[in-house]
Protein backbone atom coordinates (compact mmCIF):
# COMPACT_ATOMS: atom_id res chain seq x y z
CA MET A 1 -0.31 0.31 0.21
CA ASN A 2 1.49 3.51 -0.98
CA TYR A 3 2.69 5.70 1.70
CA LYS A 4 0.55 8.35 1.73
CA ILE A 5 -2.61 6.15 1.52
CA LYS A 6 -1.51 4.65 4.66
CA ILE A 7 -1.03 7.69 6.23
CA LEU A 8 -4.52 8.96 5.31
CA LEU A 9 -6.29 6.07 6.52
CA LEU A 10 -4.69 6.32 10.23
CA ALA A 11 -5.77 9.75 10.14
CA ILE A 12 -9.68 9.18 8.99
CA PHE A 13 -8.99 6.35 11.90
CA LEU A 14 -8.12 8.46 14.95
CA SER A 15 -10.37 11.03 13.94
CA CYS A 16 -13.08 8.49 14.73
CA GLU A 17 -12.14 7.71 17.90
CA LYS A 18 -14.28 9.00 20.69
CA PRO A 19 -12.50 11.64 21.90
CA GLU A 20 -11.82 11.56 26.14
CA ASP A 21 -13.85 13.75 28.64
CA GLN A 22 -12.12 17.04 28.38
CA SER A 23 -13.02 17.87 31.88
CA ASP A 24 -11.64 15.33 33.30
CA ILE A 25 -8.22 16.60 31.11
CA SER A 26 -8.87 19.95 33.02
CA LYS A 27 -9.20 18.37 36.30
CA ASP A 28 -5.97 18.52 38.70
CA PHE A 29 -5.55 15.50 40.57
CA SER A 30 -2.36 16.54 42.42
CA LEU A 31 -2.50 16.07 45.90
CA ASN A 32 -0.79 18.01 48.93
CA TYR A 33 -1.78 16.64 52.06
CA LEU A 34 -4.35 13.71 51.86
CA THR A 35 -3.65 10.16 52.31
CA LEU A 36 -7.12 7.91 50.75
CA GLY A 37 -8.78 5.22 52.77
CA ILE A 38 -11.82 3.34 52.50
CA SER A 39 -14.50 2.84 55.25
CA PHE A 40 -15.96 -0.37 55.28
CA PRO A 41 -15.31 -2.43 52.15
CA PRO A 42 -15.82 -5.91 52.18
CA VAL A 43 -13.27 -7.95 54.26
CA SER A 44 -15.66 -10.26 56.27
CA ASP A 45 -15.16 -13.44 55.19
CA GLU A 46 -12.34 -14.85 52.73
CA GLU A 47 -14.51 -14.23 49.84
CA GLN A 48 -15.05 -11.04 50.25
CA ARG A 49 -11.80 -10.14 50.77
CA ASN A 50 -10.68 -11.94 47.49
CA PHE A 51 -13.11 -9.70 46.09
CA THR A 52 -11.65 -6.89 47.86
CA LYS A 53 -8.00 -6.92 47.48
CA PRO A 54 -7.83 -6.58 43.64
CA LEU A 55 -9.39 -3.44 44.28
CA LEU A 56 -8.07 -2.06 47.06
CA ASP A 57 -4.91 -2.27 45.00
CA GLU A 58 -5.85 -0.61 41.71
CA LEU A 59 -6.82 2.04 43.83
CA ASN A 60 -3.56 1.96 45.44
CA VAL A 61 -5.77 2.11 49.17
CA LYS A 62 -3.36 0.88 52.23
CA TYR A 63 -5.78 2.49 54.96
CA ILE A 64 -9.30 0.91 55.57
CA ARG A 65 -11.95 0.84 58.59
CA ILE A 66 -14.01 -1.79 59.93
CA SER A 67 -16.04 -2.52 62.58
CA GLU A 68 -15.65 -4.97 65.78
CA GLU A 69 -18.16 -6.05 68.09
CA TRP A 70 -17.77 -7.73 71.64
CA ALA A 71 -20.82 -9.51 71.33
CA PHE A 72 -18.86 -11.68 68.40
CA ARG A 73 -16.10 -11.99 70.48
CA GLU A 74 -17.53 -12.87 73.91
CA PRO A 75 -21.54 -13.74 73.73
CA THR A 76 -20.79 -16.03 76.92
CA GLU A 77 -19.14 -14.85 79.41
CA GLY A 78 -15.50 -16.32 79.41
CA ASN A 79 -15.29 -17.49 76.19
CA PHE A 80 -13.72 -15.82 73.50
CA ASN A 81 -14.40 -16.51 69.76
CA TRP A 82 -11.14 -14.86 67.73
CA GLU A 83 -11.16 -16.68 64.61
CA SER A 84 -13.08 -14.42 62.58
CA LEU A 85 -11.32 -11.38 63.68
CA ASP A 86 -7.38 -13.24 63.79
CA ASN A 87 -8.43 -13.59 59.86
CA ARG A 88 -9.69 -9.96 58.71
CA ILE A 89 -6.82 -8.09 61.29
CA ASN A 90 -4.19 -10.87 60.23
CA TRP A 91 -5.10 -10.72 56.48
CA ALA A 92 -4.96 -6.80 56.34
CA PHE A 93 -0.98 -7.20 58.55
CA ASN A 94 0.15 -9.22 55.95
CA ASN A 95 -0.84 -7.27 52.81
CA ASN A 96 0.19 -4.33 55.00
CA ILE A 97 -3.20 -2.49 54.95
CA LYS A 98 -3.40 0.24 58.19
CA ILE A 99 -6.45 -0.23 59.90
CA MET A 100 -8.90 1.76 61.52
CA LEU A 101 -10.58 -0.19 64.08
CA THR A 102 -13.72 1.10 64.96
CA ILE A 103 -15.46 -1.23 68.22
CA GLN A 104 -19.20 -0.69 68.06
CA SER A 105 -21.13 0.61 71.49
CA ASN A 106 -23.06 -2.06 71.97
CA GLY A 107 -22.11 -5.80 73.85
CA PRO A 108 -23.15 -9.17 74.67
CA GLU A 109 -26.40 -9.53 76.60
CA TRP A 110 -24.68 -10.73 79.35
CA THR A 111 -23.03 -7.42 80.23
CA CYS A 112 -26.11 -4.86 79.20
CA SER A 113 -28.03 -3.13 82.00
CA SER A 114 -31.72 -1.92 81.10
CA LEU A 115 -30.49 0.80 79.33
CA GLN A 116 -30.14 -0.21 75.27
CA ASN A 117 -31.14 -0.10 72.46
CA ASP A 118 -30.34 -1.94 68.84
CA ASN A 119 -27.16 0.24 68.56
CA SER A 120 -25.75 0.29 72.43
CA CYS A 121 -25.70 -0.59 75.87
CA VAL A 122 -24.43 0.57 78.87
CA TYR A 123 -22.37 -1.66 80.18
CA ILE A 124 -23.53 -3.13 84.21
CA ASN A 125 -19.54 -3.81 84.52
CA ASN A 126 -17.16 -1.66 82.89
CA GLU A 127 -14.31 -4.49 84.07
CA LYS A 128 -15.37 -6.38 81.58
CA PHE A 129 -15.27 -5.06 78.64
CA LYS A 130 -11.73 -3.74 80.32
CA ASN A 131 -10.98 -7.16 80.25
CA TYR A 132 -12.18 -8.17 76.67
CA ILE A 133 -10.50 -4.82 75.48
CA GLU A 134 -6.88 -5.92 76.92
CA GLN A 135 -7.04 -9.42 75.35
CA LEU A 136 -8.04 -7.80 71.82
CA LEU A 137 -4.62 -5.38 72.09
CA GLN A 138 -2.56 -8.07 73.58
CA ARG A 139 -3.82 -10.48 70.61
CA TYR A 140 -3.39 -7.65 68.20
CA SER A 141 -0.31 -5.85 69.13
CA GLY A 142 1.19 -3.68 66.46
CA LYS A 143 -0.88 -4.78 64.48
CA ILE A 144 -4.28 -1.84 64.88
CA ALA A 145 -2.96 1.61 63.31
CA LYS A 146 -5.86 3.05 65.03
CA ILE A 147 -8.77 2.38 67.56
CA GLN A 148 -11.69 4.18 68.22
CA PHE A 149 -15.03 3.27 70.98
CA GLY A 150 -18.59 4.05 69.40
CA ASN A 151 -19.34 5.29 66.23
CA GLU A 152 -21.18 9.04 66.25
CA TRP A 153 -21.93 8.86 70.01
CA GLN A 154 -23.63 12.71 69.93
CA SER A 155 -26.53 10.64 69.34
CA ASP A 156 -28.98 8.70 71.49
CA PHE A 157 -29.66 6.69 68.75
CA TRP A 158 -25.65 5.63 68.57
CA TYR A 159 -25.02 5.96 72.59
CA ILE A 160 -27.70 5.27 74.49
CA GLY A 161 -25.80 6.56 77.74
CA THR A 162 -24.58 10.04 78.71
CA ALA A 163 -21.33 11.91 78.21
CA GLN A 164 -19.57 10.13 81.39
CA GLU A 165 -20.71 6.74 80.49
CA PHE A 166 -19.17 7.22 77.57
CA THR A 167 -16.50 8.65 78.45
CA GLU A 168 -15.48 6.42 81.31
CA VAL A 169 -15.41 3.77 78.32
CA ASN A 170 -13.45 5.29 76.04
CA ASN A 171 -10.54 6.07 79.28
CA ILE A 172 -10.55 2.46 79.24
CA LEU A 173 -9.72 1.83 75.90
CA HIS A 174 -7.18 4.25 75.70
CA ASN A 175 -5.56 3.63 78.65
CA ALA A 176 -5.65 -0.06 77.47
CA VAL A 177 -3.84 0.90 74.10
CA GLN A 178 -0.99 3.17 76.05
CA THR A 179 0.24 -0.26 77.96
CA TYR A 180 -0.04 -3.22 75.29
CA SER A 181 -0.09 -1.59 72.27
CA PRO A 182 1.70 1.74 72.44
CA ASN A 183 1.82 2.69 69.23
CA THR A 184 -1.88 2.41 68.05
CA LYS A 185 -4.01 5.76 68.00
CA THR A 186 -7.28 6.59 70.04
CA VAL A 187 -9.08 7.96 67.66
CA LEU A 188 -12.25 9.53 69.38
CA GLY A 189 -15.51 9.44 66.98
CA GLY A 190 -16.44 9.77 65.10
CA PHE A 191 -19.18 13.47 65.05
CA THR A 192 -22.15 13.30 62.71
CA ALA A 193 -22.28 15.31 60.03
CA ILE A 194 -25.41 16.81 61.41
CA SER A 195 -23.63 17.51 64.46
CA LEU A 196 -21.21 19.83 62.87
CA ARG A 197 -23.70 21.66 61.03
CA PHE A 198 -25.37 22.12 63.69
CA LEU A 199 -22.66 23.38 65.75
CA ALA A 200 -21.62 26.06 63.32
CA GLY A 201 -25.14 26.89 62.99
CA CYS A 202 -25.39 27.81 66.22
CA ASN A 203 -22.18 29.60 66.29
CA GLY A 204 -23.52 31.63 63.71
CA ASN A 205 -20.70 30.42 61.04
CA ILE A 206 -23.54 29.41 58.66
CA ASN A 207 -26.62 30.38 57.21
CA SER A 208 -28.33 27.05 56.41
CA PHE A 209 -28.32 23.73 55.65
CA TYR A 210 -30.27 20.53 54.60
CA ASP A 211 -30.27 17.44 56.71
CA ASP A 212 -30.05 14.22 55.39
CA GLU A 213 -34.25 13.35 55.33
CA GLY A 214 -33.54 16.81 52.99
CA VAL A 215 -35.02 19.15 55.73
CA PHE A 216 -33.78 22.56 55.48
CA TYR A 217 -32.44 24.69 58.65
CA ASP A 218 -31.87 28.00 58.70
CA ASN A 219 -31.85 31.16 60.87
CA THR A 220 -35.35 31.43 61.78
CA TYR A 221 -34.59 27.72 62.88
CA PHE A 222 -31.52 28.26 64.73
CA THR A 223 -32.93 31.75 66.67
CA ASP A 224 -35.68 29.53 67.54
CA ASN A 225 -34.02 25.96 69.13
CA CYS A 226 -29.99 26.22 69.49
CA ASN A 227 -31.09 27.53 72.83
CA SER A 228 -33.53 24.71 73.49
CA VAL A 229 -32.89 22.41 76.65
CA GLU A 230 -33.03 19.46 73.62
CA PHE A 231 -29.76 21.34 71.51
CA GLN A 232 -27.94 22.44 74.69
CA TYR A 233 -28.27 18.65 76.34
CA ILE A 234 -26.48 17.48 72.72
CA PHE A 235 -23.85 20.44 73.46
CA ASN A 236 -23.07 19.55 77.01
CA LYS A 237 -22.60 16.35 75.69
CA ILE A 238 -20.02 16.90 72.84
CA GLU A 239 -18.33 19.66 75.72
CA TYR A 240 -18.35 17.43 78.18
CA VAL A 241 -16.50 14.24 75.70
CA LEU A 242 -14.16 16.76 74.40
CA GLU A 243 -12.72 17.66 78.12
CA ASN A 244 -12.63 14.48 79.75
CA ALA A 245 -11.91 11.81 76.95
CA LEU A 246 -8.78 10.51 76.47
CA TYR A 247 -7.34 10.34 72.60
CA ASP A 248 -4.89 11.02 70.25
CA GLU A 249 -7.24 12.16 67.28
CA LEU A 250 -10.64 13.22 66.48
CA ASP A 251 -13.04 11.62 64.02
CA ILE A 252 -15.66 13.35 62.21
CA HIS A 253 -18.13 12.94 59.32
CA LEU A 254 -18.80 14.78 55.96
CA TYR A 255 -21.35 14.46 53.87
CA ASP A 256 -22.64 15.78 50.47
CA ASP A 257 -22.94 19.43 51.02
CA VAL A 258 -19.23 20.05 50.17
CA GLU A 259 -19.86 23.33 49.52
CA ASN A 260 -20.48 23.97 53.86
CA TRP A 261 -17.38 21.95 54.82
CA ASP A 262 -15.10 24.92 55.19
CA GLU A 263 -17.61 26.03 57.60
CA TYR A 264 -18.44 23.20 59.27
CA TYR A 265 -14.60 22.39 59.73
CA GLU A 266 -13.33 25.65 60.70
CA ASN A 267 -16.51 26.09 63.81
CA PHE A 268 -15.00 22.29 64.51
CA LYS A 269 -11.23 22.60 64.83
CA SER A 270 -11.79 25.90 67.15
CA MET A 271 -12.74 23.51 69.69
CA THR A 272 -9.91 21.27 69.65
CA SER A 273 -5.92 20.78 69.27
CA LYS A 274 -5.75 17.44 68.84
CA PRO A 275 -4.98 16.42 64.77
CA ILE A 276 -8.57 15.64 63.26
CA ILE A 277 -9.63 13.01 60.64
CA VAL A 278 -12.36 12.67 58.40
CA SER A 279 -13.30 8.35 58.69
CA GLU A 280 -16.07 9.05 56.72
CA PHE A 281 -17.26 11.16 53.31
CA GLY A 282 -19.27 10.42 50.59
CA GLY A 283 -22.90 11.69 48.83
CA PRO A 284 -24.84 11.91 46.91
CA ASN A 285 -28.15 12.75 49.08
CA MET A 286 -30.45 10.39 47.30
CA ASN A 287 -33.05 12.84 49.45
CA TYR A 288 -32.15 16.31 47.62
CA GLU A 289 -30.04 15.73 44.70
CA THR A 290 -30.35 14.42 41.34
CA TYR A 291 -27.88 10.83 41.05
CA SER A 292 -26.29 9.73 38.21
CA ASP A 293 -22.77 7.99 37.51
CA ASN A 294 -21.34 11.25 36.02
CA TYR A 295 -23.13 13.76 38.73
CA GLN A 296 -21.66 11.49 42.10
CA ALA A 297 -18.02 11.39 40.36
CA ASP A 298 -17.70 14.92 39.91
CA ARG A 299 -19.15 15.48 43.22
CA LEU A 300 -16.58 12.88 44.75
CA TYR A 301 -13.47 14.99 42.65
CA LYS A 302 -15.12 18.61 44.64
CA TYR A 303 -15.14 16.05 47.87
CA ILE A 304 -11.86 15.27 47.54
CA ARG A 305 -10.40 18.14 46.31
CA LYS A 306 -12.16 20.04 49.00
CA LEU A 307 -11.07 17.68 51.63
CA ASP A 308 -6.87 18.38 50.72
CA SER A 309 -7.49 22.50 50.86
CA LEU A 310 -8.42 21.94 54.27
CA GLN A 311 -5.11 20.05 55.06
CA ILE A 312 -6.41 16.69 56.93
CA THR A 313 -4.24 14.13 56.36
CA GLU A 314 -6.21 10.97 56.23
CA VAL A 315 -9.71 10.79 55.48
CA TYR A 316 -12.03 7.59 54.61
CA TYR A 317 -14.59 7.35 51.61
CA PHE A 318 -17.89 5.63 52.30
CA LYS A 319 -17.98 3.36 50.90
CA LEU A 320 -16.93 0.95 48.29
CA VAL A 321 -19.86 -0.71 47.23
CA GLU A 322 -23.08 0.27 47.04
CA GLY A 323 -25.49 -0.79 49.94
CA THR A 324 -26.00 0.94 53.24
CA ASN A 325 -28.38 1.05 56.00
CA ASN A 326 -29.20 5.05 55.35
CA PRO A 327 -31.71 5.39 51.67
CA ALA A 328 -29.73 9.03 51.84
CA HIS A 329 -26.43 7.16 51.07
CA GLU A 330 -27.26 4.14 49.25
CA LYS A 331 -25.35 4.99 45.82
CA SER A 332 -22.54 6.29 47.32
CA GLY A 333 -20.28 3.27 46.56
CA LEU A 334 -17.80 3.68 44.18
CA ILE A 335 -19.08 -0.13 42.34
CA ARG A 336 -22.42 -0.76 41.53
CA LYS A 337 -24.31 -3.80 43.79
CA SER A 338 -26.40 -4.76 40.83
CA ASP A 339 -23.71 -6.06 38.93
CA LEU A 340 -20.47 -5.54 40.56
CA SER A 341 -19.39 -2.60 37.70
CA LYS A 342 -16.65 0.28 38.36
CA LYS A 343 -18.92 3.53 38.50
CA LYS A 344 -16.63 6.50 36.81
CA SER A 345 -16.17 7.44 40.37
CA PHE A 346 -14.21 4.85 41.18
CA GLU A 347 -11.72 6.07 38.60
CA ILE A 348 -11.84 10.01 39.89
CA PHE A 349 -10.63 8.17 43.09
CA LYS A 350 -7.87 5.94 41.34
CA SER A 351 -6.99 9.34 39.73
CA PHE A 352 -5.99 10.89 42.48
CA ASN A 353 -3.83 7.94 44.41
CA GLU A 354 -2.15 6.76 41.60
């Protein structure tokens, strides 16, 4: 074939190829501060770990957050079952994956007082909790990067006890860490997105916001409610824990309204001198945002750029695969639940971590 004809055909072929997404070409994927992790990837059993590990490798993720429940470990007093947790912790350690372990604030039936709900309980005897924690930390000493007791404890839904009761259990954990796994960081966490919003609103640092259900709050609402008994109870609970709990870092959760994250973060930062990490961030909110794969990818790009601009050093995306008990964020995963395919947001996350 004539050389000039070859060149002509090649030019025609290239002109017919689908052009790259110009919006992605113009994006800046460099990070100055952030280390990106994943919150609650599926790792419960060997099948899940075999599914998750190649995806974490592709995303270049070496930080994950997983949960642990005392009820599973000691269902009857004195009889421990460590095998499933051994498998998770040792899998992560052997693969050089750093774990943030959230100890849920529930417990075995035999240790819970009458003060309990579906997600938490106040323990009859904190010495029993201390024994469980000490055994856990001795078993996995040096294998857990960060550990925390309780999740979103500002809400009675997640922790039914008082600020004093929460603080006492948190401090048992912290003191045990110092003795049995001193290289592990104790994390106070996590602060709900709604608590950050109301703290900023009631302090006059933001004029309005939507909650997870799409309910709108503005200055009129703040004026009418911020001094109420209900609000002051929550604020006093937060203040007591911040002043009396022992911890190395604090953990906050940021969702959806990235346009307001500066205000939420700076308002909260003024309340503590300790380092702040983000163990959950994500979106969009299915209650007031219109979902599409492209929209989610665009929002994820903005989330990560914003977190880096805040000079936060460690954040965990919620989550790898779609699906959650909170309908507002059922589509937040990077992997589609229906067919386990990678969404465009997966590629955006990957671009930041390459």
